[in-house]
Amino acid sequence: MALSSEPDALDPAKTIQLIADSVNNQIYERLVYIGKDRQPHPWLAQKWEISPDGKQITFTLRPGVKFHDGTNLDAAAVKFDFDRILDPAT
């Protein structure tokens, strides 16, 4: 992959650069992706439901997905990642 500049971060939660997205898209997978129609589409999440008040999203994860070390992708892993992203110390 050739890049015109270096990404500012390899953590998708810490960057808004398009160049970093190009790299991060090769490393990480998302629960959903935004298509050309600007709508969310399933990826690691098969489906999702948004609560009536819009404050909670319940994702149904695609079965059989594993991390590079063989660990299963599960709700605990997703929660850990969201907690990390929302923690001001990280």
PDB file of N, CA and C in Angstrom:
ATOM      1  N   MET A   1       0.847  -1.163   0.000  1.00  0.00           N
ATOM      2  CA  MET A   1       0.000   0.000   0.000  1.00  0.00           C
ATOM      3  C   MET A   1       0.900   1.235   0.000  1.00  0.00           C
ATOM      4  N   ALA A   2       0.673   2.113  -0.926  1.00  0.00           N
ATOM      5  CA  ALA A   2       1.419   3.373  -1.000  1.00  0.00           C
ATOM      6  C   ALA A   2       0.527   4.496  -0.482  1.00  0.00           C
ATOM      7  N   LEU A   3       1.095   5.330   0.358  1.00  0.00           N
ATOM      8  CA  LEU A   3       0.350   6.430   0.948  1.00  0.00           C
ATOM      9  C   LEU A   3       1.062   7.742   0.683  1.00  0.00           C
ATOM     10  N   SER A   4       0.289   8.798   0.559  1.00  0.00           N
ATOM     11  CA  SER A   4       0.878  10.115   0.327  1.00  0.00           C
ATOM     12  C   SER A   4       1.404  10.746   1.612  1.00  0.00           C
ATOM     13  N   SER A   5       0.947  10.242   2.760  1.00  0.00           N
ATOM     14  CA  SER A   5       1.440  10.715   4.055  1.00  0.00           C
ATOM     15  C   SER A   5       1.218   9.615   5.083  1.00  0.00           C
ATOM     16  N   GLU A   6       1.742   9.828   6.286  1.00  0.00           N
ATOM     17  CA  GLU A   6       1.586   8.837   7.343  1.00  0.00           C
ATOM     18  C   GLU A   6       0.279   9.063   8.085  1.00  0.00           C
ATOM     19  N   PRO A   7      -0.383   7.972   8.475  1.00  0.00           N
ATOM     20  CA  PRO A   7      -1.588   8.149   9.294  1.00  0.00           C
ATOM     21  C   PRO A   7      -1.224   8.709  10.664  1.00  0.00           C
ATOM     22  N   ASP A   8      -2.119   9.480  11.231  1.00  0.00           N
ATOM     23  CA  ASP A   8      -1.857  10.068  12.546  1.00  0.00           C
ATOM     24  C   ASP A   8      -2.034   9.064  13.675  1.00  0.00           C
ATOM     25  N   ALA A   9      -2.780   7.977  13.436  1.00  0.00           N
ATOM     26  CA  ALA A   9      -3.008   6.952  14.458  1.00  0.00           C
ATOM     27  C   ALA A   9      -3.463   5.668  13.789  1.00  0.00           C
ATOM     28  N   LEU A  10      -3.176   4.551  14.438  1.00  0.00           N
ATOM     29  CA  LEU A  10      -3.660   3.260  13.947  1.00  0.00           C
ATOM     30  C   LEU A  10      -4.806   2.747  14.813  1.00  0.00           C
ATOM     31  N   ASP A  11      -5.400   3.635  15.555  1.00  0.00           N
ATOM     32  CA  ASP A  11      -6.579   3.331  16.359  1.00  0.00           C
ATOM     33  C   ASP A  11      -7.747   4.049  15.701  1.00  0.00           C
ATOM     34  N   PRO A  12      -8.697   3.310  15.136  1.00  0.00           N
ATOM     35  CA  PRO A  12      -9.792   3.971  14.420  1.00  0.00           C
ATOM     36  C   PRO A  12     -10.625   4.915  15.289  1.00  0.00           C
ATOM     37  N   ALA A  13     -10.573   4.742  16.600  1.00  0.00           N
ATOM     38  CA  ALA A  13     -11.319   5.625  17.494  1.00  0.00           C
ATOM     39  C   ALA A  13     -10.595   6.937  17.752  1.00  0.00           C
ATOM     40  N   LYS A  14      -9.360   7.050  17.297  1.00  0.00           N
ATOM     41  CA  LYS A  14      -8.550   8.223  17.621  1.00  0.00           C
ATOM     42  C   LYS A  14      -8.173   9.063  16.407  1.00  0.00           C
ATOM     43  N   THR A  15      -8.767   8.792  15.277  1.00  0.00           N
ATOM     44  CA  THR A  15      -8.389   9.545  14.088  1.00  0.00           C
ATOM     45  C   THR A  15      -9.617   9.936  13.274  1.00  0.00           C
ATOM     46  N   ILE A  16      -9.458  11.005  12.520  1.00  0.00           N
ATOM     47  CA  ILE A  16     -10.483  11.394  11.552  1.00  0.00           C
ATOM     48  C   ILE A  16      -9.873  11.549  10.164  1.00  0.00           C
ATOM     49  N   GLN A  17      -8.586  11.223  10.051  1.00  0.00           N
ATOM     50  CA  GLN A  17      -7.894  11.355   8.766  1.00  0.00           C
ATOM     51  C   GLN A  17      -8.339  10.270   7.785  1.00  0.00           C
ATOM     52  N   LEU A  18      -8.582  10.648   6.550  1.00  0.00           N
ATOM     53  CA  LEU A  18      -8.924   9.665   5.524  1.00  0.00           C
ATOM     54  C   LEU A  18      -7.765   8.721   5.259  1.00  0.00           C
ATOM     55  N   ILE A  19      -6.541   9.223   5.338  1.00  0.00           N
ATOM     56  CA  ILE A  19      -5.369   8.378   5.101  1.00  0.00           C
ATOM     57  C   ILE A  19      -5.286   7.284   6.167  1.00  0.00           C
ATOM     58  N   ALA A  20      -5.623   7.617   7.408  1.00  0.00           N
ATOM     59  CA  ALA A  20      -5.626   6.622   8.483  1.00  0.00           C
ATOM     60  C   ALA A  20      -6.734   5.603   8.259  1.00  0.00           C
ATOM     61  N   ASP A  21      -7.888   6.051   7.762  1.00  0.00           N
ATOM     62  CA  ASP A  21      -8.974   5.118   7.447  1.00  0.00           C
ATOM     63  C   ASP A  21      -8.535   4.090   6.415  1.00  0.00           C
ATOM     64  N   SER A  22      -7.761   4.514   5.439  1.00  0.00           N
ATOM     65  CA  SER A  22      -7.275   3.588   4.411  1.00  0.00           C
ATOM     66  C   SER A  22      -6.463   2.459   5.027  1.00  0.00           C
ATOM     67  N   VAL A  23      -5.658   2.781   6.021  1.00  0.00           N
ATOM     68  CA  VAL A  23      -4.847   1.769   6.703  1.00  0.00           C
ATOM     69  C   VAL A  23      -5.710   0.967   7.674  1.00  0.00           C
ATOM     70  N   ASN A  24      -6.478   1.649   8.494  1.00  0.00           N
ATOM     71  CA  ASN A  24      -7.287   0.968   9.506  1.00  0.00           C
ATOM     72  C   ASN A  24      -8.303   0.011   8.899  1.00  0.00           C
ATOM     73  N   ASN A  25      -8.814   0.332   7.716  1.00  0.00           N
ATOM     74  CA  ASN A  25      -9.759  -0.571   7.054  1.00  0.00           C
ATOM     75  C   ASN A  25      -9.111  -1.898   6.680  1.00  0.00           C
ATOM     76  N   GLN A  26      -7.787  -1.924   6.586  1.00  0.00           N
ATOM     77  CA  GLN A  26      -7.070  -3.165   6.291  1.00  0.00           C
ATOM     78  C   GLN A  26      -6.780  -3.968   7.568  1.00  0.00           C
ATOM     79  N   ILE A  27      -6.927  -3.330   8.726  1.00  0.00           N
ATOM     80  CA  ILE A  27      -6.574  -3.958  10.001  1.00  0.00           C
ATOM     81  C   ILE A  27      -7.806  -4.360  10.807  1.00  0.00           C
ATOM     82  N   TYR A  28      -8.820  -3.507  10.828  1.00  0.00           N
ATOM     83  CA  TYR A  28      -9.974  -3.693  11.699  1.00  0.00           C
ATOM     84  C   TYR A  28     -11.238  -3.936  10.885  1.00  0.00           C
ATOM     85  N   GLU A  29     -12.179  -4.651  11.510  1.00  0.00           N
ATOM     86  CA  GLU A  29     -13.511  -4.798  10.930  1.00  0.00           C
ATOM     87  C   GLU A  29     -14.499  -4.068  11.831  1.00  0.00           C
ATOM     88  N   ARG A  30     -15.604  -3.665  11.254  1.00  0.00           N
ATOM     89  CA  ARG A  30     -16.592  -2.865  11.976  1.00  0.00           C
ATOM     90  C   ARG A  30     -17.853  -3.672  12.241  1.00  0.00           C
ATOM     91  N   LEU A  31     -18.627  -3.214  13.211  1.00  0.00           N
ATOM     92  CA  LEU A  31     -19.920  -3.849  13.450  1.00  0.00           C
ATOM     93  C   LEU A  31     -20.833  -3.631  12.250  1.00  0.00           C
ATOM     94  N   VAL A  32     -20.833  -2.419  11.733  1.00  0.00           N
ATOM     95  CA  VAL A  32     -21.601  -2.071  10.535  1.00  0.00           C
ATOM     96  C   VAL A  32     -20.724  -1.173   9.675  1.00  0.00           C
ATOM     97  N   TYR A  33     -21.074  -1.046   8.431  1.00  0.00           N
ATOM     98  CA  TYR A  33     -20.371  -0.084   7.578  1.00  0.00           C
ATOM     99  C   TYR A  33     -21.403   0.805   6.911  1.00  0.00           C
ATOM    100  N   ILE A  34     -20.984   1.987   6.554  1.00  0.00           N
ATOM    101  CA  ILE A  34     -21.857   2.931   5.862  1.00  0.00           C
ATOM    102  C   ILE A  34     -21.614   2.770   4.370  1.00  0.00           C
ATOM    103  N   GLY A  35     -22.661   2.391   3.659  1.00  0.00           N
ATOM    104  CA  GLY A  35     -22.548   2.152   2.224  1.00  0.00           C
ATOM    105  C   GLY A  35     -22.597   3.436   1.415  1.00  0.00           C
ATOM    106  N   LYS A  36     -22.470   3.264   0.116  1.00  0.00           N
ATOM    107  CA  LYS A  36     -22.535   4.421  -0.787  1.00  0.00           C
ATOM    108  C   LYS A  36     -23.886   5.113  -0.716  1.00  0.00           C
ATOM    109  N   ASP A  37     -24.890   4.364  -0.253  1.00  0.00           N
ATOM    110  CA  ASP A  37     -26.219   4.947  -0.078  1.00  0.00           C
ATOM    111  C   ASP A  37     -26.348   5.712   1.246  1.00  0.00           C
ATOM    112  N   ARG A  38     -25.215   5.796   1.977  1.00  0.00           N
ATOM    113  CA  ARG A  38     -25.138   6.498   3.262  1.00  0.00           C
ATOM    114  C   ARG A  38     -25.993   5.854   4.347  1.00  0.00           C
ATOM    115  N   GLN A  39     -26.275   4.588   4.183  1.00  0.00           N
ATOM    116  CA  GLN A  39     -27.050   3.825   5.153  1.00  0.00           C
ATOM    117  C   GLN A  39     -26.159   2.773   5.801  1.00  0.00           C
ATOM    118  N   PRO A  40     -26.422   2.412   7.063  1.00  0.00           N
ATOM    119  CA  PRO A  40     -25.643   1.352   7.700  1.00  0.00           C
ATOM    120  C   PRO A  40     -26.014  -0.016   7.132  1.00  0.00           C
ATOM    121  N   HIS A  41     -24.994  -0.851   6.973  1.00  0.00           N
ATOM    122  CA  HIS A  41     -25.174  -2.211   6.462  1.00  0.00           C
ATOM    123  C   HIS A  41     -24.466  -3.185   7.394  1.00  0.00           C
ATOM    124  N   PRO A  42     -24.965  -4.426   7.504  1.00  0.00           N
ATOM    125  CA  PRO A  42     -24.351  -5.407   8.400  1.00  0.00           C
ATOM    126  C   PRO A  42     -22.912  -5.728   8.019  1.00  0.00           C
ATOM    127  N   TRP A  43     -22.098  -5.960   9.027  1.00  0.00           N
ATOM    128  CA  TRP A  43     -20.739  -6.472   8.829  1.00  0.00           C
ATOM    129  C   TRP A  43     -20.480  -7.500   9.915  1.00  0.00           C
ATOM    130  N   LEU A  44     -19.871  -7.122  11.029  1.00  0.00           N
ATOM    131  CA  LEU A  44     -19.727  -8.067  12.135  1.00  0.00           C
ATOM    132  C   LEU A  44     -21.043  -8.233  12.889  1.00  0.00           C
ATOM    133  N   ALA A  45     -21.880  -7.239  12.827  1.00  0.00           N
ATOM    134  CA  ALA A  45     -23.227  -7.341  13.394  1.00  0.00           C
ATOM    135  C   ALA A  45     -24.182  -7.723  12.268  1.00  0.00           C
ATOM    136  N   GLN A  46     -24.961  -8.779  12.501  1.00  0.00           N
ATOM    137  CA  GLN A  46     -25.947  -9.208  11.499  1.00  0.00           C
ATOM    138  C   GLN A  46     -27.126  -8.258  11.438  1.00  0.00           C
ATOM    139  N   LYS A  47     -27.495  -7.767  12.622  1.00  0.00           N
ATOM    140  CA  LYS A  47     -28.626  -6.838  12.705  1.00  0.00           C
ATOM    141  C   LYS A  47     -28.487  -6.038  13.986  1.00  0.00           C
ATOM    142  N   TRP A  48     -29.308  -5.019  14.128  1.00  0.00           N
ATOM    143  CA  TRP A  48     -29.284  -4.176  15.315  1.00  0.00           C
ATOM    144  C   TRP A  48     -30.652  -3.567  15.502  1.00  0.00           C
ATOM    145  N   GLU A  49     -30.947  -3.267  16.756  1.00  0.00           N
ATOM    146  CA  GLU A  49     -32.205  -2.616  17.109  1.00  0.00           C
ATOM    147  C   GLU A  49     -31.882  -1.384  17.948  1.00  0.00           C
ATOM    148  N   ILE A  50     -32.542  -0.296  17.627  1.00  0.00           N
ATOM    149  CA  ILE A  50     -32.361   0.952  18.367  1.00  0.00           C
ATOM    150  C   ILE A  50     -33.573   1.140  19.270  1.00  0.00           C
ATOM    151  N   SER A  51     -33.318   1.432  20.537  1.00  0.00           N
ATOM    152  CA  SER A  51     -34.411   1.622  21.491  1.00  0.00           C
ATOM    153  C   SER A  51     -35.252   2.831  21.079  1.00  0.00           C
ATOM    154  N   PRO A  52     -36.515   2.855  21.497  1.00  0.00           N
ATOM    155  CA  PRO A  52     -37.392   3.972  21.132  1.00  0.00           C
ATOM    156  C   PRO A  52     -36.838   5.346  21.512  1.00  0.00           C
ATOM    157  N   ASP A  53     -36.091   5.420  22.623  1.00  0.00           N
ATOM    158  CA  ASP A  53     -35.542   6.719  23.023  1.00  0.00           C
ATOM    159  C   ASP A  53     -34.214   7.028  22.332  1.00  0.00           C
ATOM    160  N   GLY A  54     -33.716   6.088  21.504  1.00  0.00           N
ATOM    161  CA  GLY A  54     -32.488   6.306  20.747  1.00  0.00           C
ATOM    162  C   GLY A  54     -31.215   6.244  21.570  1.00  0.00           C
ATOM    163  N   LYS A  55     -31.311   5.798  22.824  1.00  0.00           N
ATOM    164  CA  LYS A  55     -30.143   5.793  23.709  1.00  0.00           C
ATOM    165  C   LYS A  55     -29.456   4.438  23.803  1.00  0.00           C
ATOM    166  N   GLN A  56     -30.035   3.423  23.211  1.00  0.00           N
ATOM    167  CA  GLN A  56     -29.450   2.087  23.312  1.00  0.00           C
ATOM    168  C   GLN A  56     -29.555   1.380  21.961  1.00  0.00           C
ATOM    169  N   ILE A  57     -28.469   0.734  21.576  1.00  0.00           N
ATOM    170  CA  ILE A  57     -28.464  -0.082  20.362  1.00  0.00           C
ATOM    171  C   ILE A  57     -28.097  -1.499  20.772  1.00  0.00           C
ATOM    172  N   THR A  58     -28.899  -2.465  20.356  1.00  0.00           N
ATOM    173  CA  THR A  58     -28.620  -3.871  20.631  1.00  0.00           C
ATOM    174  C   THR A  58     -28.174  -4.521  19.336  1.00  0.00           C
ATOM    175  N   PHE A  59     -26.931  -4.997  19.309  1.00  0.00           N
ATOM    176  CA  PHE A  59     -26.366  -5.643  18.131  1.00  0.00           C
ATOM    177  C   PHE A  59     -26.475  -7.156  18.261  1.00  0.00           C
ATOM    178  N   THR A  60     -26.810  -7.821  17.178  1.00  0.00           N
ATOM    179  CA  THR A  60     -26.717  -9.277  17.092  1.00  0.00           C
ATOM    180  C   THR A  60     -25.484  -9.572  16.267  1.00  0.00           C
ATOM    181  N   LEU A  61     -24.493 -10.210  16.899  1.00  0.00           N
ATOM    182  CA  LEU A  61     -23.212 -10.457  16.241  1.00  0.00           C
ATOM    183  C   LEU A  61     -23.281 -11.656  15.309  1.00  0.00           C
ATOM    184  N   ARG A  62     -22.532 -11.567  14.233  1.00  0.00           N
ATOM    185  CA  ARG A  62     -22.415 -12.673  13.284  1.00  0.00           C
ATOM    186  C   ARG A  62     -21.740 -13.846  14.001  1.00  0.00           C
ATOM    187  N   PRO A  63     -22.302 -15.046  13.938  1.00  0.00           N
ATOM    188  CA  PRO A  63     -21.693 -16.181  14.637  1.00  0.00           C
ATOM    189  C   PRO A  63     -20.410 -16.652  13.957  1.00  0.00           C
ATOM    190  N   GLY A  64     -19.522 -17.230  14.761  1.00  0.00           N
ATOM    191  CA  GLY A  64     -18.313 -17.839  14.220  1.00  0.00           C
ATOM    192  C   GLY A  64     -17.161 -16.894  13.952  1.00  0.00           C
ATOM    193  N   VAL A  65     -17.301 -15.618  14.281  1.00  0.00           N
ATOM    194  CA  VAL A  65     -16.224 -14.658  14.042  1.00  0.00           C
ATOM    195  C   VAL A  65     -15.185 -14.803  15.153  1.00  0.00           C
ATOM    196  N   LYS A  66     -13.924 -14.847  14.755  1.00  0.00           N
ATOM    197  CA  LYS A  66     -12.829 -15.004  15.716  1.00  0.00           C
ATOM    198  C   LYS A  66     -11.785 -13.913  15.505  1.00  0.00           C
ATOM    199  N   PHE A  67     -11.110 -13.571  16.595  1.00  0.00           N
ATOM    200  CA  PHE A  67      -9.962 -12.678  16.517  1.00  0.00           C
ATOM    201  C   PHE A  67      -8.772 -13.456  15.972  1.00  0.00           C
ATOM    202  N   HIS A  68      -7.687 -12.772  15.646  1.00  0.00           N
ATOM    203  CA  HIS A  68      -6.510 -13.423  15.061  1.00  0.00           C
ATOM    204  C   HIS A  68      -5.925 -14.503  15.966  1.00  0.00           C
ATOM    205  N   ASP A  69      -6.180 -14.412  17.279  1.00  0.00           N
ATOM    206  CA  ASP A  69      -5.645 -15.417  18.206  1.00  0.00           C
ATOM    207  C   ASP A  69      -6.609 -16.574  18.456  1.00  0.00           C
ATOM    208  N   GLY A  70      -7.733 -16.580  17.744  1.00  0.00           N
ATOM    209  CA  GLY A  70      -8.700 -17.660  17.879  1.00  0.00           C
ATOM    210  C   GLY A  70      -9.804 -17.400  18.885  1.00  0.00           C
ATOM    211  N   THR A  71      -9.709 -16.296  19.627  1.00  0.00           N
ATOM    212  CA  THR A  71     -10.745 -15.933  20.588  1.00  0.00           C
ATOM    213  C   THR A  71     -12.013 -15.532  19.846  1.00  0.00           C
ATOM    214  N   ASN A  72     -13.162 -15.968  20.362  1.00  0.00           N
ATOM    215  CA  ASN A  72     -14.437 -15.618  19.739  1.00  0.00           C
ATOM    216  C   ASN A  72     -14.776 -14.145  19.937  1.00  0.00           C
ATOM    217  N   LEU A  73     -15.355 -13.547  18.905  1.00  0.00           N
ATOM    218  CA  LEU A  73     -15.937 -12.216  19.047  1.00  0.00           C
ATOM    219  C   LEU A  73     -17.256 -12.403  19.780  1.00  0.00           C
ATOM    220  N   ASP A  74     -17.388 -11.752  20.920  1.00  0.00           N
ATOM    221  CA  ASP A  74     -18.621 -11.860  21.687  1.00  0.00           C
ATOM    222  C   ASP A  74     -18.989 -10.491  22.262  1.00  0.00           C
ATOM    223  N   ALA A  75     -20.117 -10.456  22.966  1.00  0.00           N
ATOM    224  CA  ALA A  75     -20.603  -9.190  23.518  1.00  0.00           C
ATOM    225  C   ALA A  75     -19.594  -8.568  24.477  1.00  0.00           C
ATOM    226  N   ALA A  76     -18.889  -9.395  25.252  1.00  0.00           N
ATOM    227  CA  ALA A  76     -17.902  -8.869  26.203  1.00  0.00           C
ATOM    228  C   ALA A  76     -16.774  -8.144  25.472  1.00  0.00           C
ATOM    229  N   ALA A  77     -16.347  -8.675  24.343  1.00  0.00           N
ATOM    230  CA  ALA A  77     -15.276  -8.035  23.566  1.00  0.00           C
ATOM    231  C   ALA A  77     -15.747  -6.699  22.993  1.00  0.00           C
ATOM    232  N   VAL A  78     -16.972  -6.663  22.506  1.00  0.00           N
ATOM    233  CA  VAL A  78     -17.515  -5.419  21.953  1.00  0.00           C
ATOM    234  C   VAL A  78     -17.666  -4.377  23.062  1.00  0.00           C
ATOM    235  N   LYS A  79     -18.190  -4.797  24.212  1.00  0.00           N
ATOM    236  CA  LYS A  79     -18.337  -3.877  25.349  1.00  0.00           C
ATOM    237  C   LYS A  79     -16.975  -3.342  25.787  1.00  0.00           C
ATOM    238  N   PHE A  80     -15.975  -4.207  25.865  1.00  0.00           N
ATOM    239  CA  PHE A  80     -14.629  -3.782  26.248  1.00  0.00           C
ATOM    240  C   PHE A  80     -14.138  -2.676  25.316  1.00  0.00           C
ATOM    241  N   ASP A  81     -14.356  -2.865  24.023  1.00  0.00           N
ATOM    242  CA  ASP A  81     -13.892  -1.873  23.051  1.00  0.00           C
ATOM    243  C   ASP A  81     -14.632  -0.547  23.205  1.00  0.00           C
ATOM    244  N   PHE A  82     -15.952  -0.596  23.378  1.00  0.00           N
ATOM    245  CA  PHE A  82     -16.706   0.649  23.576  1.00  0.00           C
ATOM    246  C   PHE A  82     -16.276   1.344  24.865  1.00  0.00           C
ATOM    247  N   ASP A  83     -16.070   0.575  25.939  1.00  0.00           N
ATOM    248  CA  ASP A  83     -15.608   1.174  27.197  1.00  0.00           C
ATOM    249  C   ASP A  83     -14.254   1.853  27.005  1.00  0.00           C
ATOM    250  N   ARG A  84     -13.356   1.210  26.261  1.00  0.00           N
ATOM    251  CA  ARG A  84     -12.031   1.783  26.000  1.00  0.00           C
ATOM    252  C   ARG A  84     -12.162   3.085  25.213  1.00  0.00           C
ATOM    253  N   ILE A  85     -12.996   3.079  24.203  1.00  0.00           N
ATOM    254  CA  ILE A  85     -13.178   4.266  23.366  1.00  0.00           C
ATOM    255  C   ILE A  85     -13.742   5.434  24.186  1.00  0.00           C
ATOM    256  N   LEU A  86     -14.683   5.136  25.073  1.00  0.00           N
ATOM    257  CA  LEU A  86     -15.347   6.189  25.847  1.00  0.00           C
ATOM    258  C   LEU A  86     -14.556   6.648  27.070  1.00  0.00           C
ATOM    259  N   ASP A  87     -13.529   5.917  27.447  1.00  0.00           N
ATOM    260  CA  ASP A  87     -12.717   6.273  28.612  1.00  0.00           C
ATOM    261  C   ASP A  87     -11.795   7.440  28.256  1.00  0.00           C
ATOM    262  N   PRO A  88     -11.948   8.593  28.911  1.00  0.00           N
ATOM    263  CA  PRO A  88     -11.102   9.747  28.588  1.00  0.00           C
ATOM    264  C   PRO A  88      -9.607   9.487  28.789  1.00  0.00           C
ATOM    265  N   ALA A  89      -9.259   8.503  29.601  1.00  0.00           N
ATOM    266  CA  ALA A  89      -7.847   8.215  29.867  1.00  0.00           C
ATOM    267  C   ALA A  89      -7.179   7.456  28.726  1.00  0.00           C
ATOM    268  N   THR A  90      -7.959   6.942  27.788  1.00  0.00           N
ATOM    269  CA  THR A  90      -7.356   6.166  26.689  1.00  0.00           C
ATOM    270  C   THR A  90      -7.424   6.898  25.376  1.00  0.00           C
TER     271      THR A  90
END
